[in-house]
């Protein structure tokens, strides 16, 4: 029986050795830790540095994620590419190695017209049997997709299509997508958790945050399901303040890897360059202060 794709599905960070080759031993430790903290699955996505990997590395990382993660939960693998041919290849590979779903950003090097974009997603949907999560990653790269095109994909392919909308304004666009699909399309919060409370109230089936705050985001997800308003806001406010520091893809990578080192999960915070953001001493100090606020909220609400 297929597992429902829902819940807290963190996007894992890819650890590197000093020579920037993938550190698979640390990856295994990270994935075990994520499940120990209550994650429902794992995702290989943008903050896994997918766009900075070679094709061979992407496939090796996908295989490792499925091998290490499938026994304990869901595994979603990024399959977006600059050509339909390559995206279909990655999607088929992900399905073959055991992924529960693929997540697909559109091409980002060119401004793709709506007809071509729809054809890109249709080719992927027709090539595999597992669900395709349409990721509008325009909060970081590319440009927003139209609600009408996304809704049309859902109308034609049903629950094989899921969504992770990240275009601003996130809340109103999420509601527009929900309404355009009569509330049936499965949608994930995709802003790192900063919009989780609002997105939950708009009907998301899960969230795909980074790995660094997994314990706090699992606790927040459970508080939302319990309707515990006091706990919801005690947790969400410091979480949101910390995520707000991360205002670009490279900022997410820098902060998340810094915290994974701080938490004893990673050996280093190496990010493949060139990068557009470096964590300076003052920002690092603010991240430390906000992280302590998140942990204090966890401790306080654990006894409630």
Protein backbone atom coordinates (compact mmCIF):
# COMPACT_ATOMS: atom_id res chain seq x y z
CA UNK A 1 0.00 0.00 0.00
CA UNK A 2 1.35 3.41 -0.96
CA UNK A 3 2.14 5.79 1.87
CA UNK A 4 0.35 9.15 1.84
CA UNK A 5 2.73 11.96 0.97
CA UNK A 6 2.17 14.41 3.79
CA UNK A 7 3.55 15.73 7.06
CA UNK A 8 6.95 17.21 7.88
CA UNK A 9 9.37 16.35 5.07
CA UNK A 10 12.67 18.21 5.59
CA UNK A 11 14.96 18.95 2.67
CA UNK A 12 18.30 17.52 3.74
CA UNK A 13 21.53 19.46 3.33
CA UNK A 14 24.34 17.71 1.45
CA UNK A 15 27.51 17.37 3.54
CA UNK A 16 30.90 17.58 1.85
CA UNK A 17 34.42 16.43 2.62
CA UNK A 18 37.19 19.03 2.56
CA UNK A 19 37.69 18.34 -1.16
CA UNK A 20 33.95 19.05 -1.77
CA UNK A 21 33.12 15.44 -2.61
CA UNK A 22 29.87 14.21 -1.03
CA UNK A 23 30.27 12.89 2.52
CA UNK A 24 27.87 9.95 2.47
CA UNK A 25 28.68 8.84 6.03
CA UNK A 26 27.59 12.21 7.42
CA UNK A 27 24.54 12.12 5.15
CA UNK A 28 23.51 8.82 6.74
CA UNK A 29 23.89 10.37 10.19
CA UNK A 30 21.83 13.39 9.14
CA UNK A 31 18.98 11.26 7.77
CA UNK A 32 18.85 9.06 10.89
CA UNK A 33 18.80 12.20 13.05
CA UNK A 34 15.95 13.72 11.03
CA UNK A 35 13.82 10.62 11.55
CA UNK A 36 14.77 10.48 15.24
CA UNK A 37 13.41 14.04 15.57
CA UNK A 38 10.03 12.98 14.15
CA UNK A 39 10.31 13.71 10.42
CA UNK A 40 7.79 11.88 8.23
CA UNK A 41 10.24 11.65 5.34
CA UNK A 42 13.11 13.38 3.60
CA UNK A 43 13.47 15.46 0.45
CA UNK A 44 16.36 16.02 -1.92
CA UNK A 45 15.73 19.56 -3.13
CA UNK A 46 17.16 23.01 -3.74
CA UNK A 47 18.99 23.29 -0.39
CA UNK A 48 20.51 19.87 -1.05
CA UNK A 49 22.61 21.89 -3.55
CA UNK A 50 21.10 19.86 -6.38
CA UNK A 51 21.93 22.53 -8.95
CA UNK A 52 25.61 22.40 -7.96
CA UNK A 53 25.99 18.66 -8.45
CA UNK A 54 27.06 16.79 -11.57
CA UNK A 55 24.56 14.43 -13.18
CA UNK A 56 26.38 11.42 -11.74
CA UNK A 57 26.40 12.99 -8.28
CA UNK A 58 22.69 13.76 -8.46
CA UNK A 59 21.92 10.14 -9.23
CA UNK A 60 24.29 8.87 -6.53
CA UNK A 61 22.70 11.22 -3.98
CA UNK A 62 19.20 10.14 -5.01
CA UNK A 63 20.15 6.48 -4.67
CA UNK A 64 21.68 7.09 -1.23
CA UNK A 65 18.64 9.07 -0.03
CA UNK A 66 16.29 6.26 -1.04
CA UNK A 67 18.52 3.56 0.45
CA UNK A 68 18.98 5.43 3.72
CA UNK A 69 15.53 6.94 4.07
CA UNK A 70 12.89 4.62 2.65
CA UNK A 71 12.74 2.19 5.57
CA UNK A 72 11.64 4.90 8.01
CA UNK A 73 9.55 7.23 5.87
CA UNK A 74 8.90 8.95 2.58
CA UNK A 75 11.59 9.96 0.12
CA UNK A 76 11.06 12.74 -2.44
CA UNK A 77 13.74 13.37 -5.06
CA UNK A 78 14.34 16.53 -7.09
CA UNK A 79 14.09 15.93 -10.84
CA UNK A 80 13.95 19.42 -12.36
CA UNK A 81 16.35 20.24 -15.18
CA UNK A 82 17.00 22.68 -18.01
CA UNK A 83 15.62 20.31 -20.63
CA UNK A 84 12.57 18.07 -20.71
CA UNK A 85 14.77 15.15 -21.81
CA UNK A 86 17.02 15.45 -18.76
CA UNK A 87 14.15 16.02 -16.32
CA UNK A 88 12.41 12.89 -17.60
CA UNK A 89 15.68 10.97 -17.16
CA UNK A 90 16.05 12.12 -13.54
CA UNK A 91 12.39 11.36 -12.81
CA UNK A 92 12.66 7.84 -14.20
CA UNK A 93 15.86 7.26 -12.26
CA UNK A 94 14.24 8.45 -9.03
CA UNK A 95 11.30 6.11 -9.53
CA UNK A 96 13.65 3.21 -10.32
CA UNK A 97 15.67 3.65 -7.11
CA UNK A 98 12.57 3.78 -4.91
CA UNK A 99 11.45 7.38 -4.53
CA UNK A 100 7.87 7.92 -3.37
CA UNK A 101 7.58 11.11 -5.45
CA UNK A 102 9.65 13.54 -7.47
CA UNK A 103 9.72 17.31 -7.03
CA UNK A 104 10.26 19.36 -10.17
CA UNK A 105 11.26 22.99 -10.61
CA UNK A 106 10.85 24.50 -14.11
CA UNK A 107 13.87 25.36 -16.25
CA UNK A 108 15.47 28.55 -14.93
CA UNK A 109 17.95 29.57 -17.63
CA UNK A 110 15.26 30.71 -20.07
CA UNK A 111 11.85 32.36 -19.72
CA UNK A 112 9.70 29.41 -20.76
CA UNK A 113 6.26 30.14 -22.22
CA UNK A 114 3.21 28.59 -20.59
CA UNK A 115 2.58 26.05 -23.36
CA UNK A 116 6.17 24.82 -23.25
CA UNK A 117 6.11 24.73 -19.45
CA UNK A 118 2.95 22.66 -19.43
CA UNK A 119 4.52 20.30 -21.99
CA UNK A 120 7.58 19.93 -19.73
CA UNK A 121 5.47 18.81 -16.79
CA UNK A 122 3.22 16.61 -18.90
CA UNK A 123 6.22 14.74 -20.30
CA UNK A 124 7.42 13.99 -16.78
CA UNK A 125 3.96 12.97 -15.57
CA UNK A 126 3.55 10.65 -18.55
CA UNK A 127 6.97 9.07 -18.02
CA UNK A 128 6.48 7.85 -14.43
CA UNK A 129 3.78 6.46 -12.15
CA UNK A 130 4.74 8.18 -8.89
CA UNK A 131 3.47 11.67 -7.98
CA UNK A 132 5.09 14.83 -9.32
CA UNK A 133 5.33 17.79 -6.94
CA UNK A 134 5.26 20.96 -9.04
CA UNK A 135 7.66 23.36 -7.33
CA UNK A 136 7.22 27.03 -8.13
CA UNK A 137 10.68 28.00 -6.86
CA UNK A 138 10.38 31.61 -7.98
CA UNK A 139 10.95 32.80 -4.44
CA UNK A 140 14.59 31.96 -5.25
CA UNK A 141 14.94 31.36 -8.99
CA UNK A 142 12.88 31.75 -12.13
CA UNK A 143 9.50 33.45 -12.39
CA UNK A 144 6.05 32.56 -11.00
CA UNK A 145 3.88 29.99 -12.74
CA UNK A 146 0.28 30.85 -13.47
CA UNK A 147 -2.37 29.44 -11.16
CA UNK A 148 -4.43 28.49 -14.21
CA UNK A 149 -1.68 26.32 -15.70
CA UNK A 150 -1.08 24.54 -12.39
CA UNK A 151 -4.79 23.93 -11.86
CA UNK A 152 -5.10 22.55 -15.40
CA UNK A 153 -2.35 20.02 -14.66
CA UNK A 154 -4.25 18.88 -11.58
CA UNK A 155 -7.51 18.69 -13.52
CA UNK A 156 -5.88 16.43 -16.14
CA UNK A 157 -3.69 14.25 -13.91
CA UNK A 158 -5.47 14.29 -10.54
CA UNK A 159 -3.57 13.31 -7.44
CA UNK A 160 -0.46 12.39 -9.40
CA UNK A 161 0.09 16.15 -9.25
CA UNK A 162 1.01 17.89 -6.00
CA UNK A 163 2.27 21.42 -5.42
CA UNK A 164 4.88 23.38 -3.50
CA UNK A 165 4.11 27.05 -4.23
CA UNK A 166 6.84 29.51 -3.27
CA UNK A 167 5.94 32.60 -5.31
CA UNK A 168 5.03 35.76 -3.42
CA UNK A 169 2.59 36.51 -1.96
CA UNK A 170 2.64 32.95 -0.64
CA UNK A 171 -0.63 32.95 1.32
CA UNK A 172 -2.96 34.46 -1.29
CA UNK A 173 -1.43 32.39 -4.11
CA UNK A 174 -1.77 29.23 -2.04
CA UNK A 175 -5.44 30.00 -1.48
CA UNK A 176 -5.92 30.78 -5.18
CA UNK A 177 -4.42 27.39 -6.11
CA UNK A 178 -6.58 25.66 -3.50
CA UNK A 179 -9.72 27.34 -4.80
CA UNK A 180 -8.84 26.68 -8.45
CA UNK A 181 -8.64 22.95 -7.66
CA UNK A 182 -11.79 22.92 -5.49
CA UNK A 183 -9.69 22.28 -2.39
CA UNK A 184 -8.58 18.86 -3.61
CA UNK A 185 -4.99 19.43 -4.74
CA UNK A 186 -2.34 18.38 -2.18
CA UNK A 187 -0.19 21.43 -1.40
CA UNK A 188 2.97 21.79 0.72
CA UNK A 189 4.27 24.83 2.55
CA UNK A 190 7.58 25.68 0.95
CA UNK A 191 8.96 28.77 2.67
CA UNK A 192 11.21 26.99 5.15
CA UNK A 193 8.50 27.03 7.82
CA UNK A 194 8.17 30.80 8.08
CA UNK A 195 4.67 30.64 6.54
CA UNK A 196 3.64 27.35 8.15
CA UNK A 197 0.95 28.67 10.50
CA UNK A 198 -0.80 30.70 7.82
CA UNK A 199 -0.34 27.94 5.22
CA UNK A 200 -1.76 25.31 7.57
CA UNK A 201 -4.90 27.37 8.00
CA UNK A 202 -5.17 27.51 4.19
CA UNK A 203 -5.13 23.73 3.94
CA UNK A 204 -1.60 22.43 3.28
CA UNK A 205 -0.96 18.70 3.73
CA UNK A 206 2.61 19.19 4.88
CA UNK A 207 5.75 21.29 5.00
CA UNK A 208 9.20 20.94 3.42
CA UNK A 209 11.56 22.99 5.59
CA UNK A 210 15.31 22.77 6.02
CA UNK A 211 16.87 20.18 8.30
CA UNK A 212 18.38 22.46 10.95
CA UNK A 213 15.20 23.22 12.95
CA UNK A 214 13.46 19.88 12.42
CA UNK A 215 12.65 19.33 16.12
CA UNK A 216 10.93 22.70 16.43
CA UNK A 217 9.03 22.33 13.16
CA UNK A 218 7.77 18.86 14.06
CA UNK A 219 6.57 20.28 17.37
CA UNK A 220 4.86 23.17 15.57
CA UNK A 221 3.18 20.82 13.07
CA UNK A 222 1.82 18.73 15.93
CA UNK A 223 0.62 21.83 17.79
CA UNK A 224 -1.22 22.97 14.65
CA UNK A 225 -2.97 19.62 14.36
CA UNK A 226 -3.88 19.76 18.05
CA UNK A 227 -5.23 23.31 17.72
CA UNK A 228 -3.02 24.43 20.63
CA UNK A 229 -2.97 28.17 19.89
CA UNK A 230 -0.69 29.14 22.77
CA UNK A 231 1.91 26.55 21.80
CA UNK A 232 1.56 27.39 18.10
CA UNK A 233 2.63 30.99 18.59
CA UNK A 234 5.21 30.32 21.29
CA UNK A 235 6.97 28.07 18.77
CA UNK A 236 6.27 29.85 15.48
CA UNK A 237 7.45 33.33 16.45
CA UNK A 238 11.11 32.47 17.17
CA UNK A 239 11.13 29.97 14.30
CA UNK A 240 9.91 32.67 11.91
CA UNK A 241 12.42 35.21 13.25
CA UNK A 242 15.29 32.80 12.59
CA UNK A 243 14.08 31.80 9.14
CA UNK A 244 13.65 35.50 8.25
CA UNK A 245 17.45 35.87 8.45
CA UNK A 246 17.65 33.45 5.51
CA UNK A 247 16.54 35.68 2.64
CA UNK A 248 18.11 33.86 -0.31
CA UNK A 249 18.97 30.30 -1.33
CA UNK A 250 22.61 30.76 -0.36
CA UNK A 251 21.59 32.36 2.95
CA UNK A 252 19.48 29.28 3.73
CA UNK A 253 22.48 27.08 2.95
CA UNK A 254 24.89 29.11 5.08
CA UNK A 255 22.63 29.32 8.15
CA UNK A 256 21.33 25.77 7.96
CA UNK A 257 24.78 24.21 7.60
CA UNK A 258 26.11 26.43 10.39
CA UNK A 259 23.37 25.18 12.70
CA UNK A 260 23.89 21.56 11.67
CA UNK A 261 27.53 21.93 12.74
CA UNK A 262 26.44 23.63 15.96
CA UNK A 263 24.09 20.73 16.65
CA UNK A 264 26.80 18.12 16.06
CA UNK A 265 25.31 16.65 12.88
CA UNK A 266 27.81 18.01 10.32
CA UNK A 267 31.59 18.12 10.53
CA UNK A 268 31.80 21.39 8.58
CA UNK A 269 29.62 24.00 6.91
CA UNK A 270 31.11 23.79 3.41
CA UNK A 271 28.88 25.00 0.55
CA UNK A 272 29.92 24.55 -3.06
CA UNK A 273 30.78 27.86 -4.63
CA UNK A 274 30.66 30.33 -6.01
CA UNK A 275 28.09 31.55 -3.51
CA UNK A 276 26.16 34.78 -3.24
CA UNK A 277 26.07 34.95 0.55
CA UNK A 278 28.58 34.57 3.37
CA UNK A 279 27.60 34.36 7.04
CA UNK A 280 29.38 37.22 8.80
CA UNK A 281 30.16 37.38 12.51
CA UNK A 282 27.27 39.68 13.42
CA UNK A 283 24.69 37.59 11.58
CA UNK A 284 26.16 34.45 13.14
CA UNK A 285 25.71 35.99 16.60
CA UNK A 286 22.08 36.83 15.81
CA UNK A 287 21.49 33.29 14.53
CA UNK A 288 22.89 31.98 17.83
CA UNK A 289 20.56 34.21 19.85
CA UNK A 290 17.50 33.25 17.80
CA UNK A 291 18.40 29.56 17.91
CA UNK A 292 18.46 29.74 21.71
CA UNK A 293 15.00 31.35 21.60
CA UNK A 294 13.73 28.44 19.49
CA UNK A 295 15.18 25.89 21.90
CA UNK A 296 13.73 27.77 24.89
CA UNK A 297 10.29 27.65 23.26
CA UNK A 298 10.68 23.91 22.75
CA UNK A 299 11.59 23.37 26.38
CA UNK A 300 8.77 25.54 27.69
CA UNK A 301 6.07 24.03 25.53
CA UNK A 302 7.23 20.44 26.13
CA UNK A 303 5.86 20.64 29.68
CA UNK A 304 2.51 22.15 28.69
